Amino acid sequence: MPVEFYVLVIPFCAIPVFLVSIDYLNKSAELERRKRNVIEFDKFIKHKEEGDAVDSDIAELLDINKIAA
């Protein structure tokens, strides 16, 4: 087969494989980002009931004993 055939066929075979691979990597990275952004609601509520460092500092400055979440 002539060289021109290989020059035309190889890019049209390699480029779709490359694009599908890039799309797969993008989707898997997006799933990982979503997993990291999930918070446990019970832990969040418990932490807010106790008050975080900023809430504690504000309460201390205002002489408040309890922090309302």
C-alpha atoms as a PDB file:
ATOM      1  CA  MET A   1       0.000   0.000   0.000  1.00  0.00           C
ATOM      2  CA  PRO A   2       1.214   3.456  -0.702  1.00  0.00           C
ATOM      3  CA  VAL A   3       2.595   5.686   2.027  1.00  0.00           C
ATOM      4  CA  GLU A   4      -0.162   8.227   1.462  1.00  0.00           C
ATOM      5  CA  PHE A   5      -2.717   5.677   2.627  1.00  0.00           C
ATOM      6  CA  TYR A   6      -0.894   5.193   5.936  1.00  0.00           C
ATOM      7  CA  VAL A   7      -0.494   8.946   6.364  1.00  0.00           C
ATOM      8  CA  LEU A   8      -4.267   9.371   6.006  1.00  0.00           C
ATOM      9  CA  VAL A   9      -5.500   6.282   7.879  1.00  0.00           C
ATOM     10  CA  ILE A  10      -3.284   6.273  10.984  1.00  0.00           C
ATOM     11  CA  PRO A  11      -4.338   9.743  12.252  1.00  0.00           C
ATOM     12  CA  PHE A  12      -8.022   8.906  11.743  1.00  0.00           C
ATOM     13  CA  CYS A  13      -7.553   5.748  13.836  1.00  0.00           C
ATOM     14  CA  ALA A  14      -5.382   7.276  16.550  1.00  0.00           C
ATOM     15  CA  ILE A  15      -7.263  10.542  17.118  1.00  0.00           C
ATOM     16  CA  PRO A  16     -10.616   8.962  18.130  1.00  0.00           C
ATOM     17  CA  VAL A  17      -8.846   6.609  20.560  1.00  0.00           C
ATOM     18  CA  PHE A  18      -7.018   9.592  22.056  1.00  0.00           C
ATOM     19  CA  LEU A  19     -10.235  11.615  22.387  1.00  0.00           C
ATOM     20  CA  VAL A  20     -12.112   8.741  24.047  1.00  0.00           C
ATOM     21  CA  SER A  21      -9.231   8.290  26.492  1.00  0.00           C
ATOM     22  CA  ILE A  22      -9.245  12.004  27.361  1.00  0.00           C
ATOM     23  CA  ASP A  23     -13.016  11.908  27.895  1.00  0.00           C
ATOM     24  CA  TYR A  24     -12.715   8.885  30.198  1.00  0.00           C
ATOM     25  CA  LEU A  25     -10.006  10.576  32.276  1.00  0.00           C
ATOM     26  CA  ASN A  26     -12.105  13.740  32.531  1.00  0.00           C
ATOM     27  CA  LYS A  27     -15.170  11.828  33.734  1.00  0.00           C
ATOM     28  CA  SER A  28     -13.203   9.826  36.293  1.00  0.00           C
ATOM     29  CA  ALA A  29     -11.615  13.013  37.640  1.00  0.00           C
ATOM     30  CA  GLU A  30     -15.075  14.613  37.891  1.00  0.00           C
ATOM     31  CA  LEU A  31     -16.348  11.645  39.917  1.00  0.00           C
ATOM     32  CA  GLU A  32     -13.382  11.955  42.281  1.00  0.00           C
ATOM     33  CA  ARG A  33     -14.123  15.674  42.774  1.00  0.00           C
ATOM     34  CA  ARG A  34     -17.746  14.860  43.595  1.00  0.00           C
ATOM     35  CA  LYS A  35     -16.707  12.239  46.141  1.00  0.00           C
ATOM     36  CA  ARG A  36     -14.465  14.733  47.947  1.00  0.00           C
ATOM     37  CA  ASN A  37     -17.235  17.344  48.164  1.00  0.00           C
ATOM     38  CA  VAL A  38     -19.666  15.036  49.973  1.00  0.00           C
ATOM     39  CA  ILE A  39     -19.985  15.843  53.666  1.00  0.00           C
ATOM     40  CA  GLU A  40     -21.636  13.755  56.326  1.00  0.00           C
ATOM     41  CA  PHE A  41     -24.621  15.724  57.545  1.00  0.00           C
ATOM     42  CA  ASP A  42     -24.601  14.256  61.075  1.00  0.00           C
ATOM     43  CA  LYS A  43     -20.957  15.214  61.636  1.00  0.00           C
ATOM     44  CA  PHE A  44     -21.603  18.669  60.215  1.00  0.00           C
ATOM     45  CA  ILE A  45     -24.564  19.287  62.565  1.00  0.00           C
ATOM     46  CA  LYS A  46     -22.641  17.974  65.569  1.00  0.00           C
ATOM     47  CA  HIS A  47     -19.685  20.205  64.719  1.00  0.00           C
ATOM     48  CA  LYS A  48     -21.943  23.236  64.299  1.00  0.00           C
ATOM     49  CA  GLU A  49     -23.660  22.517  67.642  1.00  0.00           C
ATOM     50  CA  GLU A  50     -20.285  22.539  69.357  1.00  0.00           C
ATOM     51  CA  GLY A  51     -19.263  25.625  67.416  1.00  0.00           C
ATOM     52  CA  ASP A  52     -16.168  25.934  65.322  1.00  0.00           C
ATOM     53  CA  ALA A  53     -13.148  28.075  66.181  1.00  0.00           C
ATOM     54  CA  VAL A  54     -14.552  31.226  64.566  1.00  0.00           C
ATOM     55  CA  ASP A  55     -17.909  30.854  66.344  1.00  0.00           C
ATOM     56  CA  SER A  56     -16.130  30.273  69.658  1.00  0.00           C
ATOM     57  CA  ASP A  57     -13.967  33.373  69.203  1.00  0.00           C
ATOM     58  CA  ILE A  58     -16.985  35.525  68.343  1.00  0.00           C
ATOM     59  CA  ALA A  59     -18.916  34.178  71.333  1.00  0.00           C
ATOM     60  CA  GLU A  60     -15.963  34.863  73.591  1.00  0.00           C
ATOM     61  CA  LEU A  61     -15.701  38.450  72.362  1.00  0.00           C
ATOM     62  CA  LEU A  62     -19.435  38.978  72.863  1.00  0.00           C
ATOM     63  CA  ASP A  63     -19.487  37.164  76.269  1.00  0.00           C
ATOM     64  CA  ILE A  64     -22.049  34.624  75.073  1.00  0.00           C
ATOM     65  CA  ASN A  65     -22.112  31.178  76.684  1.00  0.00           C
ATOM     66  CA  LYS A  66     -24.071  29.253  74.042  1.00  0.00           C
ATOM     67  CA  ILE A  67     -23.600  29.374  70.312  1.00  0.00           C
ATOM     68  CA  ALA A  68     -26.678  29.155  68.113  1.00  0.00           C
ATOM     69  CA  ALA A  69     -26.026  27.155  64.983  1.00  0.00           C
END
